[in-house]
Amino acid sequence: MEYDEKNLDKPDNKRTELYAKVLHLKDLVSYQDGTVASRMIVNTKAGSITLFSFDEDEGLSEHTAPFDAVVTILDGECEVWISGVIHQLIEGDTIIFPANVPHALRAGTRFKMSLTMIREKET
C-alpha cells in the first residue's frame, strides 16, 4: 500500500469528523457492486488504519508490504494466503501479515475489514 509522506499527520475533514466519537467501523465503508472500496481513517508517519469492503469474489492479488499489517474482519468472511498457507477468516477474526512476506486475500462472501499498518520499525 502506497502512502504520500508529505500528507502524513495532516488531518483532513473526512478524518477529523471521526475524532472523539464512538465508531462502528463496519458502518464507515459501504459495499460497492463488483469492486473493492476503501476509506482511510488514520494516516500518520507511525502507521495507518484503512477500512475496506470487498464484493463477493473480489480480492487482492499476492503482494508484499515493507511493514507489518494487522487485519480484522468486520463483516462476512474471506480466505487469506500468507506464504502459501490458507486461512479462513470470519467476522471478529484478526491475523497479522508480517512485513516482506507474500500474502493475498479473496472474498468468500461480501466482507469488510480493517487494516492497521505499522510503519515504524522496532529499534
N, C-alpha and C. Protein backbone atom coordinates (compact mmCIF):
# COMPACT_ATOMS: atom_id res chain seq x y z
N MET A 1 0.85 -1.17 0.00
CA MET A 1 0.00 0.00 0.00
C MET A 1 0.89 1.23 0.00
N GLU A 2 0.68 2.09 -0.93
CA GLU A 2 1.49 3.30 -1.06
C GLU A 2 0.95 4.40 -0.16
N TYR A 3 1.83 5.29 0.25
CA TYR A 3 1.38 6.45 1.01
C TYR A 3 2.22 7.65 0.64
N ASP A 4 1.64 8.82 0.83
CA ASP A 4 2.28 10.07 0.48
C ASP A 4 2.82 10.70 1.75
N GLU A 5 4.13 10.62 1.95
CA GLU A 5 4.74 11.09 3.19
C GLU A 5 4.50 12.57 3.44
N LYS A 6 4.32 13.37 2.42
CA LYS A 6 4.08 14.81 2.58
C LYS A 6 2.76 15.06 3.31
N ASN A 7 1.78 14.17 3.16
CA ASN A 7 0.47 14.40 3.74
C ASN A 7 0.24 13.64 5.04
N LEU A 8 1.26 12.96 5.54
CA LEU A 8 1.10 12.26 6.80
C LEU A 8 0.96 13.27 7.93
N ASP A 9 0.20 12.90 8.92
CA ASP A 9 -0.05 13.72 10.10
C ASP A 9 -0.84 14.99 9.81
N LYS A 10 -1.29 15.20 8.58
CA LYS A 10 -2.14 16.35 8.26
C LYS A 10 -3.60 15.88 8.32
N PRO A 11 -4.37 16.34 9.30
CA PRO A 11 -5.76 15.91 9.35
C PRO A 11 -6.55 16.48 8.17
N ASP A 12 -7.51 15.74 7.72
CA ASP A 12 -8.43 16.27 6.71
C ASP A 12 -9.85 16.18 7.25
N ASN A 13 -10.77 16.86 6.61
CA ASN A 13 -12.14 16.93 7.12
C ASN A 13 -12.80 15.57 7.25
N LYS A 14 -12.54 14.67 6.33
CA LYS A 14 -13.18 13.35 6.38
C LYS A 14 -12.72 12.56 7.59
N ARG A 15 -11.47 12.75 8.01
CA ARG A 15 -10.99 12.03 9.18
C ARG A 15 -11.28 12.78 10.48
N THR A 16 -11.16 14.10 10.48
CA THR A 16 -11.39 14.83 11.73
C THR A 16 -12.84 14.74 12.18
N GLU A 17 -13.76 14.51 11.26
CA GLU A 17 -15.17 14.35 11.67
C GLU A 17 -15.37 13.09 12.51
N LEU A 18 -14.40 12.19 12.51
CA LEU A 18 -14.48 10.95 13.28
C LEU A 18 -13.88 11.07 14.68
N TYR A 19 -13.13 12.13 14.93
CA TYR A 19 -12.42 12.30 16.20
C TYR A 19 -13.39 12.35 17.38
N ALA A 20 -12.99 11.69 18.47
CA ALA A 20 -13.71 11.73 19.75
C ALA A 20 -15.16 11.28 19.65
N LYS A 21 -15.41 10.31 18.76
CA LYS A 21 -16.75 9.75 18.61
C LYS A 21 -16.66 8.23 18.72
N VAL A 22 -17.72 7.62 19.20
CA VAL A 22 -17.81 6.16 19.19
C VAL A 22 -18.09 5.74 17.76
N LEU A 23 -17.25 4.85 17.23
CA LEU A 23 -17.36 4.45 15.83
C LEU A 23 -17.74 2.98 15.71
N HIS A 24 -18.55 2.68 14.73
CA HIS A 24 -18.84 1.30 14.33
C HIS A 24 -18.15 1.14 12.99
N LEU A 25 -16.93 0.60 13.03
CA LEU A 25 -16.06 0.59 11.85
C LEU A 25 -16.74 0.02 10.61
N LYS A 26 -17.49 -1.06 10.75
CA LYS A 26 -18.07 -1.66 9.55
C LYS A 26 -19.12 -0.77 8.90
N ASP A 27 -19.60 0.24 9.62
CA ASP A 27 -20.57 1.17 9.03
C ASP A 27 -19.91 2.34 8.31
N LEU A 28 -18.59 2.46 8.39
CA LEU A 28 -17.89 3.60 7.79
C LEU A 28 -17.45 3.38 6.35
N VAL A 29 -17.62 2.16 5.85
CA VAL A 29 -17.31 1.86 4.45
C VAL A 29 -18.46 1.02 3.89
N SER A 30 -18.93 1.37 2.69
CA SER A 30 -20.07 0.69 2.08
C SER A 30 -19.62 -0.31 1.04
N TYR A 31 -20.44 -1.32 0.82
CA TYR A 31 -20.19 -2.26 -0.27
C TYR A 31 -20.50 -1.58 -1.59
N GLN A 32 -19.72 -1.93 -2.60
CA GLN A 32 -19.97 -1.45 -3.96
C GLN A 32 -19.90 -2.66 -4.88
N ASP A 33 -20.92 -2.81 -5.72
CA ASP A 33 -21.01 -3.97 -6.60
C ASP A 33 -19.77 -4.12 -7.48
N GLY A 34 -19.21 -5.33 -7.50
CA GLY A 34 -18.13 -5.68 -8.42
C GLY A 34 -16.78 -5.06 -8.14
N THR A 35 -16.56 -4.53 -6.93
CA THR A 35 -15.29 -3.85 -6.68
C THR A 35 -14.91 -3.88 -5.21
N VAL A 36 -13.77 -3.27 -4.93
CA VAL A 36 -13.25 -3.08 -3.58
C VAL A 36 -13.33 -1.59 -3.28
N ALA A 37 -13.87 -1.23 -2.12
CA ALA A 37 -13.92 0.17 -1.69
C ALA A 37 -13.06 0.32 -0.44
N SER A 38 -12.52 1.52 -0.24
CA SER A 38 -11.70 1.74 0.96
C SER A 38 -11.93 3.13 1.53
N ARG A 39 -11.61 3.25 2.81
CA ARG A 39 -11.69 4.55 3.50
C ARG A 39 -10.60 4.58 4.56
N MET A 40 -9.66 5.51 4.42
CA MET A 40 -8.59 5.67 5.40
C MET A 40 -9.13 6.52 6.54
N ILE A 41 -8.96 6.03 7.78
CA ILE A 41 -9.45 6.79 8.92
C ILE A 41 -8.32 7.34 9.79
N VAL A 42 -7.11 6.79 9.65
CA VAL A 42 -5.93 7.31 10.33
C VAL A 42 -4.77 7.20 9.36
N ASN A 43 -3.92 8.24 9.30
CA ASN A 43 -2.75 8.20 8.42
C ASN A 43 -1.65 9.07 9.02
N THR A 44 -0.68 8.42 9.67
CA THR A 44 0.43 9.15 10.28
C THR A 44 1.75 8.49 9.87
N LYS A 45 2.85 9.11 10.24
CA LYS A 45 4.16 8.52 9.95
C LYS A 45 4.32 7.18 10.65
N ALA A 46 3.68 7.01 11.79
CA ALA A 46 3.78 5.75 12.55
C ALA A 46 2.95 4.63 11.93
N GLY A 47 1.87 4.97 11.23
CA GLY A 47 1.03 3.94 10.64
C GLY A 47 -0.30 4.49 10.16
N SER A 48 -1.13 3.57 9.70
CA SER A 48 -2.44 3.97 9.18
C SER A 48 -3.47 2.90 9.51
N ILE A 49 -4.73 3.32 9.49
CA ILE A 49 -5.86 2.40 9.61
C ILE A 49 -6.76 2.68 8.43
N THR A 50 -7.00 1.64 7.64
CA THR A 50 -7.85 1.75 6.46
C THR A 50 -8.93 0.69 6.52
N LEU A 51 -10.15 1.08 6.22
CA LEU A 51 -11.28 0.16 6.16
C LEU A 51 -11.52 -0.22 4.70
N PHE A 52 -11.83 -1.48 4.46
CA PHE A 52 -12.09 -1.97 3.11
C PHE A 52 -13.40 -2.74 3.08
N SER A 53 -14.10 -2.66 1.96
CA SER A 53 -15.23 -3.55 1.68
C SER A 53 -14.95 -4.24 0.34
N PHE A 54 -15.21 -5.52 0.29
CA PHE A 54 -14.98 -6.34 -0.90
C PHE A 54 -16.29 -6.96 -1.32
N ASP A 55 -16.64 -6.82 -2.59
CA ASP A 55 -17.79 -7.54 -3.11
C ASP A 55 -17.40 -9.02 -3.23
N GLU A 56 -18.38 -9.88 -3.31
CA GLU A 56 -18.13 -11.32 -3.44
C GLU A 56 -17.19 -11.60 -4.61
N ASP A 57 -16.24 -12.49 -4.40
CA ASP A 57 -15.23 -12.93 -5.38
C ASP A 57 -14.18 -11.88 -5.71
N GLU A 58 -14.19 -10.72 -5.06
CA GLU A 58 -13.13 -9.73 -5.23
C GLU A 58 -11.99 -10.07 -4.28
N GLY A 59 -10.82 -9.50 -4.50
CA GLY A 59 -9.71 -9.75 -3.60
C GLY A 59 -8.51 -8.90 -3.92
N LEU A 60 -7.42 -9.22 -3.27
CA LEU A 60 -6.13 -8.58 -3.51
C LEU A 60 -5.15 -9.67 -3.94
N SER A 61 -4.47 -9.46 -5.05
CA SER A 61 -3.53 -10.46 -5.54
C SER A 61 -2.31 -10.51 -4.62
N GLU A 62 -1.55 -11.57 -4.75
CA GLU A 62 -0.38 -11.76 -3.89
C GLU A 62 0.60 -10.60 -4.03
N HIS A 63 1.05 -10.11 -2.90
CA HIS A 63 2.00 -8.99 -2.85
C HIS A 63 2.71 -9.02 -1.51
N THR A 64 3.68 -8.16 -1.34
CA THR A 64 4.34 -7.97 -0.05
C THR A 64 4.23 -6.51 0.34
N ALA A 65 4.45 -6.24 1.61
CA ALA A 65 4.47 -4.86 2.11
C ALA A 65 5.70 -4.73 3.01
N PRO A 66 6.28 -3.55 3.06
CA PRO A 66 7.50 -3.38 3.85
C PRO A 66 7.26 -3.27 5.36
N PHE A 67 6.00 -3.31 5.78
CA PHE A 67 5.66 -3.14 7.20
C PHE A 67 4.67 -4.21 7.63
N ASP A 68 4.63 -4.52 8.93
CA ASP A 68 3.62 -5.42 9.46
C ASP A 68 2.24 -4.80 9.28
N ALA A 69 1.23 -5.66 9.09
CA ALA A 69 -0.15 -5.19 8.95
C ALA A 69 -1.06 -6.11 9.75
N VAL A 70 -2.00 -5.52 10.47
CA VAL A 70 -2.97 -6.28 11.25
C VAL A 70 -4.32 -6.14 10.55
N VAL A 71 -4.92 -7.28 10.21
CA VAL A 71 -6.21 -7.30 9.53
C VAL A 71 -7.26 -7.89 10.46
N THR A 72 -8.38 -7.18 10.63
CA THR A 72 -9.50 -7.66 11.41
C THR A 72 -10.73 -7.68 10.52
N ILE A 73 -11.42 -8.82 10.49
CA ILE A 73 -12.63 -8.96 9.68
C ILE A 73 -13.80 -8.34 10.46
N LEU A 74 -14.46 -7.39 9.82
CA LEU A 74 -15.56 -6.65 10.44
C LEU A 74 -16.93 -7.20 10.06
N ASP A 75 -17.00 -7.88 8.91
CA ASP A 75 -18.28 -8.39 8.40
C ASP A 75 -17.97 -9.44 7.34
N GLY A 76 -18.75 -10.51 7.28
CA GLY A 76 -18.57 -11.51 6.23
C GLY A 76 -17.41 -12.45 6.49
N GLU A 77 -16.86 -13.01 5.40
CA GLU A 77 -15.77 -13.97 5.52
C GLU A 77 -14.87 -13.91 4.30
N CYS A 78 -13.63 -14.37 4.48
CA CYS A 78 -12.67 -14.36 3.38
C CYS A 78 -11.63 -15.46 3.58
N GLU A 79 -10.86 -15.68 2.52
CA GLU A 79 -9.70 -16.56 2.54
C GLU A 79 -8.46 -15.69 2.46
N VAL A 80 -7.49 -15.99 3.29
CA VAL A 80 -6.23 -15.27 3.30
C VAL A 80 -5.11 -16.26 3.06
N TRP A 81 -4.14 -15.88 2.21
CA TRP A 81 -2.94 -16.69 1.99
C TRP A 81 -1.76 -15.91 2.54
N ILE A 82 -0.97 -16.57 3.37
CA ILE A 82 0.28 -15.98 3.85
C ILE A 82 1.37 -17.03 3.62
N SER A 83 2.31 -16.72 2.77
CA SER A 83 3.40 -17.66 2.42
C SER A 83 2.84 -19.01 2.00
N GLY A 84 1.75 -19.00 1.23
CA GLY A 84 1.18 -20.24 0.71
C GLY A 84 0.25 -20.97 1.66
N VAL A 85 0.13 -20.53 2.91
CA VAL A 85 -0.78 -21.16 3.88
C VAL A 85 -2.11 -20.43 3.83
N ILE A 86 -3.20 -21.21 3.69
CA ILE A 86 -4.54 -20.63 3.57
C ILE A 86 -5.22 -20.59 4.94
N HIS A 87 -5.84 -19.44 5.23
CA HIS A 87 -6.59 -19.25 6.47
C HIS A 87 -8.00 -18.80 6.11
N GLN A 88 -9.01 -19.40 6.74
CA GLN A 88 -10.40 -18.98 6.58
C GLN A 88 -10.72 -18.03 7.72
N LEU A 89 -11.14 -16.81 7.41
CA LEU A 89 -11.44 -15.83 8.44
C LEU A 89 -12.91 -15.42 8.38
N ILE A 90 -13.49 -15.21 9.55
CA ILE A 90 -14.87 -14.74 9.67
C ILE A 90 -14.91 -13.50 10.55
N GLU A 91 -16.06 -12.86 10.61
CA GLU A 91 -16.23 -11.66 11.41
C GLU A 91 -15.65 -11.84 12.81
N GLY A 92 -14.83 -10.88 13.23
CA GLY A 92 -14.21 -10.92 14.55
C GLY A 92 -12.81 -11.49 14.56
N ASP A 93 -12.41 -12.21 13.49
CA ASP A 93 -11.07 -12.78 13.42
C ASP A 93 -10.04 -11.71 13.06
N THR A 94 -8.83 -11.88 13.58
CA THR A 94 -7.71 -10.99 13.28
C THR A 94 -6.50 -11.83 12.89
N ILE A 95 -5.72 -11.33 11.94
CA ILE A 95 -4.50 -12.00 11.51
C ILE A 95 -3.44 -10.93 11.24
N ILE A 96 -2.18 -11.28 11.44
CA ILE A 96 -1.08 -10.35 11.20
C ILE A 96 -0.34 -10.77 9.94
N PHE A 97 -0.19 -9.85 9.00
CA PHE A 97 0.63 -10.06 7.81
C PHE A 97 2.04 -9.55 8.15
N PRO A 98 3.02 -10.44 8.26
CA PRO A 98 4.38 -9.97 8.58
C PRO A 98 4.97 -9.18 7.42
N ALA A 99 5.81 -8.22 7.75
CA ALA A 99 6.50 -7.43 6.74
C ALA A 99 7.28 -8.32 5.79
N ASN A 100 7.25 -7.98 4.51
CA ASN A 100 8.05 -8.63 3.46
C ASN A 100 7.70 -10.10 3.23
N VAL A 101 6.52 -10.53 3.66
CA VAL A 101 6.06 -11.91 3.45
C VAL A 101 4.89 -11.86 2.46
N PRO A 102 4.93 -12.70 1.40
CA PRO A 102 3.83 -12.67 0.41
C PRO A 102 2.48 -13.03 1.04
N HIS A 103 1.47 -12.27 0.67
CA HIS A 103 0.12 -12.52 1.16
C HIS A 103 -0.91 -12.07 0.12
N ALA A 104 -2.10 -12.61 0.23
CA ALA A 104 -3.21 -12.28 -0.68
C ALA A 104 -4.51 -12.58 0.05
N LEU A 105 -5.63 -12.11 -0.49
CA LEU A 105 -6.92 -12.48 0.09
C LEU A 105 -8.00 -12.44 -0.97
N ARG A 106 -9.09 -13.17 -0.66
CA ARG A 106 -10.22 -13.27 -1.59
C ARG A 106 -11.50 -13.37 -0.78
N ALA A 107 -12.53 -12.67 -1.25
CA ALA A 107 -13.83 -12.67 -0.57
C ALA A 107 -14.58 -13.96 -0.86
N GLY A 108 -14.98 -14.68 0.19
CA GLY A 108 -15.88 -15.82 0.03
C GLY A 108 -17.31 -15.33 -0.09
N THR A 109 -17.60 -14.30 0.67
CA THR A 109 -18.86 -13.55 0.59
C THR A 109 -18.43 -12.09 0.60
N ARG A 110 -19.37 -11.20 0.45
CA ARG A 110 -19.02 -9.79 0.68
C ARG A 110 -18.41 -9.73 2.07
N PHE A 111 -17.35 -8.96 2.21
CA PHE A 111 -16.79 -8.80 3.55
C PHE A 111 -16.15 -7.44 3.70
N LYS A 112 -15.99 -7.04 4.97
CA LYS A 112 -15.34 -5.79 5.31
C LYS A 112 -14.21 -6.09 6.28
N MET A 113 -13.14 -5.30 6.17
CA MET A 113 -12.01 -5.50 7.06
C MET A 113 -11.39 -4.16 7.43
N SER A 114 -10.67 -4.19 8.54
CA SER A 114 -9.85 -3.07 8.97
C SER A 114 -8.41 -3.50 8.80
N LEU A 115 -7.59 -2.65 8.19
CA LEU A 115 -6.17 -2.93 8.02
C LEU A 115 -5.39 -1.86 8.77
N THR A 116 -4.62 -2.29 9.77
CA THR A 116 -3.76 -1.39 10.52
C THR A 116 -2.32 -1.65 10.10
N MET A 117 -1.71 -0.66 9.49
CA MET A 117 -0.33 -0.76 9.02
C MET A 117 0.57 -0.05 10.01
N ILE A 118 1.56 -0.77 10.51
CA ILE A 118 2.53 -0.20 11.44
C ILE A 118 3.79 0.11 10.63
N ARG A 119 4.12 1.39 10.46
CA ARG A 119 5.23 1.78 9.60
C ARG A 119 6.57 1.88 10.30
N GLU A 120 6.58 2.17 11.58
CA GLU A 120 7.86 2.33 12.25
C GLU A 120 8.44 0.98 12.60
N LYS A 121 9.74 0.82 12.37
CA LYS A 121 10.42 -0.42 12.67
C LYS A 121 10.89 -0.41 14.12
N GLU A 122 10.95 -1.61 14.71
CA GLU A 122 11.47 -1.72 16.07
C GLU A 122 12.94 -1.35 16.09
N THR A 123 13.37 -0.74 17.19
CA THR A 123 14.79 -0.38 17.30
C THR A 123 15.53 -1.33 18.21
